[in-house]
Amino acid sequence: MDPRPAIVERRLRGVRRVLAVTGGKGGIGKTSVAVGLALSLREEGRRVGLLDLDLWGPSDHVVLGAPRPGFREDGGLVPGVVAGLAFMSIASIVGERPALLRGEDISNAILELLAVTIWGELDVLVVDMPPGFGDTLLDAARYLPRAEYVVVTTPSELTLATTRKMLELLRRLELPVLGLVENLRRDGGTGGVDALAAGGDQRLLGAIGYDEGYEACLGSPERLRGTGFFRDVQVIATALGAARA
C-alpha cells in the first residue's frame, strides 16, 4: 500500500483552509488570480502558502519574480518564502526544463510533490490547479479532500462553454465550489458570466477588469499591488472570507 496519501494528510494537518483555483482551459488568467489571491490574503495578515500544481507550464514564480524558487530539506521540503508567501512549485525542482510526464507518472508527480512538502501552520493554502479536466484535476481532488474550489472564467463564449463543463464535473464529484471569478472583463461588462452563475446556482465572487498595465508588473509583487488588477482581486479575497462552502 502506498503510504504517501497518509503522509499528505499529515503534511496538511496544520493548514486551516485549502483554496483550489481552477478553470476549464488555459490562458484565462488562472495563475494571475491564484497569485493575486495569495498576496491579497497575506496583506490581510494571514499565514498563506501558494502551491503551483501545473506540472507542464508552472508560472507562479514568473508572476512573483522568483526565477528558481527555493526550498530547504528538513525531513521533507520546506518551501521558501517569496513576497511573504510559503511557495512551492515543480519549478523549484526542475527549473525551466519541461516536465515530460504522462499517464501514471502524472499521478505520481502530484502525489510526490504533496507528500514531500512541509507547510507547517497556515491559515490558507492557495493551490494553482492544472488547467482543464484531466487526470491532474482528479488526482488533486483525491489528495486534497478539504479543498474549496474557485472557478476562473472569462466573458468569452468559448471559455464559458468549458466553464459550464468544469462546474458540472465539480458538481458530479461533489466538490465544494465557492463561486466564479470573471477575469478580463472589459468596460461595460457582459451578462454571460452572470447568467452562467445564476443558471448553475453559483455565486459570482467578483470581476477583474482588463488592466493594460498588468504585464509590465510581472515579476514585481510590489508593483503588482499598485494595479487595478490587484484592487479587483482584493475585493474577491474579502468575498472569499464570507463564502465558505
Protein backbone atom coordinates (compact mmCIF):
# COMPACT_ATOMS: atom_id res chain seq x y z
CA MET A 1 0.00 0.00 0.00
CA ASP A 2 1.32 3.43 -0.96
CA PRO A 3 1.96 5.39 2.28
CA ARG A 4 2.05 8.78 0.55
CA PRO A 5 -1.68 9.65 0.78
CA ALA A 6 -1.47 9.30 4.55
CA ILE A 7 1.68 11.44 4.55
CA VAL A 8 -0.13 14.14 2.54
CA GLU A 9 -2.85 14.20 5.18
CA ARG A 10 -0.23 14.77 7.89
CA ARG A 11 1.51 17.46 5.83
CA LEU A 12 -1.75 19.41 5.60
CA ARG A 13 -2.77 18.96 9.23
CA GLY A 14 -1.63 22.47 10.14
CA VAL A 15 -3.41 24.09 7.16
CA ARG A 16 -6.76 25.55 8.16
CA ARG A 17 -8.14 26.11 4.67
CA VAL A 18 -7.27 25.00 1.12
CA LEU A 19 -8.42 27.15 -1.80
CA ALA A 20 -8.08 25.45 -5.20
CA VAL A 21 -8.12 27.94 -8.09
CA THR A 22 -9.17 26.15 -11.25
CA GLY A 23 -10.54 26.79 -14.74
CA GLY A 24 -11.80 24.93 -17.78
CA LYS A 25 -8.90 25.86 -20.06
CA GLY A 26 -5.53 27.58 -20.15
CA GLY A 27 -4.89 31.22 -20.96
CA ILE A 28 -7.74 32.63 -18.84
CA GLY A 29 -5.57 34.17 -16.11
CA LYS A 30 -5.97 31.41 -13.54
CA THR A 31 -2.36 31.76 -12.42
CA SER A 32 -2.64 35.53 -12.08
CA VAL A 33 -5.79 35.14 -10.00
CA ALA A 34 -4.21 32.47 -7.77
CA VAL A 35 -1.11 34.56 -7.09
CA GLY A 36 -3.19 37.71 -6.61
CA LEU A 37 -5.45 35.98 -4.10
CA ALA A 38 -2.47 34.62 -2.17
CA LEU A 39 -0.86 38.09 -1.98
CA SER A 40 -4.18 39.70 -1.02
CA LEU A 41 -4.81 37.21 1.78
CA ARG A 42 -1.25 37.76 3.02
CA GLU A 43 -1.92 41.51 3.19
CA GLU A 44 -4.87 40.75 5.44
CA GLY A 45 -2.38 39.34 7.93
CA ARG A 46 -2.97 35.67 7.22
CA ARG A 47 -0.30 32.98 7.03
CA VAL A 48 -0.50 31.96 3.38
CA GLY A 49 1.04 29.24 1.24
CA LEU A 50 0.98 29.03 -2.55
CA LEU A 51 1.34 25.75 -4.44
CA ASP A 52 1.71 25.68 -8.22
CA LEU A 53 0.35 22.30 -9.36
CA ASP A 54 0.68 22.99 -13.08
CA LEU A 55 3.24 20.32 -13.96
CA TRP A 56 3.76 21.37 -17.59
CA GLY A 57 3.56 25.15 -17.50
CA PRO A 58 4.24 26.37 -13.96
CA SER A 59 4.37 30.16 -13.97
CA ASP A 60 3.50 31.39 -10.48
CA HIS A 61 7.22 32.02 -9.97
CA VAL A 62 7.25 34.27 -13.04
CA VAL A 63 4.50 36.46 -11.58
CA LEU A 64 6.31 36.56 -8.23
CA GLY A 65 9.75 37.25 -9.71
CA ALA A 66 11.38 34.10 -8.33
CA PRO A 67 13.39 32.57 -11.25
CA ARG A 68 14.25 29.41 -9.29
CA PRO A 69 12.02 29.14 -6.21
CA GLY A 70 13.99 27.72 -3.31
CA PHE A 71 13.34 25.26 -0.52
CA ARG A 72 15.31 23.60 2.26
CA GLU A 73 15.36 19.96 3.24
CA ASP A 74 14.30 19.04 6.76
CA GLY A 75 12.58 15.67 6.78
CA GLY A 76 10.93 16.80 3.54
CA LEU A 77 10.93 20.01 1.52
CA VAL A 78 10.22 23.23 3.40
CA PRO A 79 9.01 25.88 0.93
CA GLY A 80 10.97 29.07 0.55
CA VAL A 81 9.33 32.40 1.28
CA VAL A 82 8.58 34.71 -1.65
CA ALA A 83 6.76 38.03 -1.08
CA GLY A 84 5.66 36.74 2.32
CA LEU A 85 4.23 33.52 0.89
CA ALA A 86 5.40 29.98 1.58
CA PHE A 87 5.85 28.94 -2.04
CA MET A 88 6.32 25.57 -3.72
CA SER A 89 6.27 24.64 -7.40
CA ILE A 90 7.53 21.89 -9.67
CA ALA A 91 9.80 24.68 -10.97
CA SER A 92 11.52 24.56 -7.57
CA ILE A 93 12.77 21.10 -8.53
CA VAL A 94 13.18 21.03 -12.31
CA GLY A 95 13.70 24.73 -13.02
CA GLU A 96 12.67 25.78 -16.52
CA ARG A 97 13.11 22.31 -18.02
CA PRO A 98 9.81 20.83 -19.23
CA ALA A 99 8.41 18.01 -17.11
CA LEU A 100 7.98 15.10 -19.52
CA LEU A 101 5.16 13.24 -17.83
CA ARG A 102 2.29 11.08 -18.98
CA GLY A 103 -0.17 8.57 -17.54
CA GLU A 104 0.75 7.19 -14.16
CA ASP A 105 3.81 9.46 -13.97
CA ILE A 106 1.48 12.45 -13.66
CA SER A 107 -0.33 10.99 -10.65
CA ASN A 108 2.97 10.04 -9.04
CA ALA A 109 4.41 13.52 -9.55
CA ILE A 110 1.41 15.23 -7.96
CA LEU A 111 1.32 12.80 -5.07
CA GLU A 112 5.07 13.08 -4.51
CA LEU A 113 5.01 16.90 -4.51
CA LEU A 114 2.16 16.91 -2.00
CA ALA A 115 3.83 14.27 0.18
CA VAL A 116 7.28 15.85 0.41
CA THR A 117 6.20 19.46 1.01
CA ILE A 118 6.08 20.56 4.65
CA TRP A 119 3.72 23.52 5.04
CA GLY A 120 3.62 23.85 8.79
CA GLU A 121 0.95 26.14 10.22
CA LEU A 122 -1.01 28.09 7.60
CA ASP A 123 -4.31 29.91 7.62
CA VAL A 124 -4.75 29.39 3.87
CA LEU A 125 -3.06 27.31 1.19
CA VAL A 126 -3.86 28.59 -2.31
CA VAL A 127 -3.41 25.91 -4.97
CA ASP A 128 -2.96 26.95 -8.60
CA MET A 129 -4.57 23.93 -10.24
CA PRO A 130 -3.64 22.50 -13.64
CA PRO A 131 -5.95 23.78 -16.39
CA GLY A 132 -8.68 21.62 -17.81
CA PHE A 133 -10.36 18.35 -16.88
CA GLY A 134 -7.57 15.78 -16.99
CA ASP A 135 -6.17 13.30 -14.51
CA THR A 136 -4.38 16.10 -12.69
CA LEU A 137 -7.68 17.59 -11.54
CA LEU A 138 -8.98 14.19 -10.46
CA ASP A 139 -5.76 13.41 -8.60
CA ALA A 140 -5.76 16.77 -6.85
CA ALA A 141 -9.38 16.25 -5.84
CA ARG A 142 -8.46 12.87 -4.40
CA TYR A 143 -5.43 14.03 -2.44
CA LEU A 144 -6.83 17.43 -1.35
CA PRO A 145 -10.20 16.35 0.05
CA ARG A 146 -10.69 19.56 2.07
CA ALA A 147 -10.16 21.89 -0.88
CA GLU A 148 -12.76 24.52 -1.74
CA TYR A 149 -12.86 25.48 -5.42
CA VAL A 150 -12.73 28.89 -7.03
CA VAL A 151 -13.51 28.68 -10.76
CA VAL A 152 -11.94 31.29 -13.03
CA THR A 153 -13.54 32.19 -16.36
CA THR A 154 -13.53 34.99 -18.90
CA PRO A 155 -16.51 36.54 -20.72
CA SER A 156 -15.52 34.78 -23.95
CA GLU A 157 -18.19 32.39 -25.17
CA LEU A 158 -15.50 29.78 -25.83
CA THR A 159 -14.34 29.98 -22.22
CA LEU A 160 -17.88 29.98 -20.86
CA ALA A 161 -18.58 26.73 -22.70
CA THR A 162 -15.70 24.96 -20.94
CA THR A 163 -16.56 26.63 -17.63
CA ARG A 164 -20.02 25.08 -17.78
CA LYS A 165 -18.39 21.67 -18.17
CA MET A 166 -15.99 22.36 -15.30
CA LEU A 167 -18.86 23.30 -12.97
CA GLU A 168 -20.74 20.16 -13.98
CA LEU A 169 -17.69 18.00 -13.31
CA LEU A 170 -17.14 19.54 -9.87
CA ARG A 171 -20.82 19.00 -9.10
CA ARG A 172 -20.64 15.34 -10.12
CA LEU A 173 -17.56 14.86 -7.95
CA GLU A 174 -19.45 16.56 -5.09
CA LEU A 175 -16.65 19.06 -4.59
CA PRO A 176 -17.45 22.37 -2.87
CA VAL A 177 -17.42 25.37 -5.22
CA LEU A 178 -17.18 28.77 -3.56
CA GLY A 179 -18.05 30.61 -6.73
CA LEU A 180 -16.92 32.09 -10.03
CA VAL A 181 -14.33 34.77 -10.77
CA GLU A 182 -14.69 36.63 -14.03
CA ASN A 183 -11.29 37.72 -15.36
CA LEU A 184 -10.56 40.19 -18.18
CA ARG A 185 -13.90 41.96 -18.02
CA ARG A 186 -13.97 44.85 -20.47
CA ASP A 187 -15.71 48.19 -19.90
CA GLY A 188 -19.44 47.73 -19.96
CA GLY A 189 -19.21 44.17 -18.71
CA THR A 190 -21.08 41.18 -20.01
CA GLY A 191 -24.11 39.25 -18.91
CA GLY A 192 -22.64 35.90 -19.92
CA VAL A 193 -20.83 35.17 -16.67
CA ASP A 194 -23.71 36.50 -14.57
CA ALA A 195 -26.11 34.23 -16.44
CA LEU A 196 -23.76 31.25 -16.02
CA ALA A 197 -23.52 31.86 -12.28
CA ALA A 198 -27.27 32.20 -11.91
CA GLY A 199 -28.01 29.19 -14.10
CA GLY A 200 -25.62 26.99 -12.14
CA ASP A 201 -26.72 28.36 -8.78
CA GLN A 202 -23.18 29.68 -8.22
CA ARG A 203 -22.02 32.86 -6.56
CA LEU A 204 -20.14 35.40 -8.70
CA LEU A 205 -17.33 36.32 -6.32
CA GLY A 206 -16.26 39.29 -8.40
CA ALA A 207 -14.97 40.58 -11.72
CA ILE A 208 -11.42 41.61 -12.62
CA GLY A 209 -11.21 44.29 -15.25
CA TYR A 210 -8.79 44.19 -18.17
CA ASP A 211 -5.65 46.01 -16.99
CA GLU A 212 -3.22 47.12 -19.70
CA GLY A 213 -0.51 47.76 -17.09
CA TYR A 214 -0.58 44.28 -15.61
CA GLU A 215 2.02 42.68 -17.89
CA ALA A 216 4.58 45.37 -17.07
CA CYS A 217 4.34 44.45 -13.39
CA LEU A 218 5.08 40.75 -13.77
CA GLY A 219 7.98 39.73 -11.56
CA SER A 220 7.42 42.53 -9.05
CA PRO A 221 4.84 41.88 -6.32
CA GLU A 222 5.27 45.45 -5.10
CA ARG A 223 4.36 46.94 -8.46
CA LEU A 224 1.60 44.39 -8.91
CA ARG A 225 -0.03 45.63 -5.69
CA GLY A 226 -0.47 49.03 -7.30
CA THR A 227 -2.52 47.81 -10.26
CA GLY A 228 -6.24 47.87 -10.88
CA PHE A 229 -5.98 44.11 -11.28
CA PHE A 230 -4.81 43.74 -7.69
CA ARG A 231 -7.51 46.05 -6.32
CA ASP A 232 -10.14 43.90 -8.00
CA VAL A 233 -8.56 40.73 -6.61
CA GLN A 234 -8.58 42.19 -3.10
CA VAL A 235 -12.36 42.57 -3.32
CA ILE A 236 -12.62 38.90 -4.28
CA ALA A 237 -10.30 37.84 -1.45
CA THR A 238 -12.57 39.64 1.00
CA ALA A 239 -15.60 37.90 -0.51
CA LEU A 240 -13.94 34.52 -0.06
CA GLY A 241 -13.81 35.10 3.69
CA ALA A 242 -17.62 35.03 3.71
CA ALA A 243 -18.02 32.31 1.10
CA ARG A 244 -17.15 29.13 2.92
CA ALA A 245 -18.91 26.17 1.39
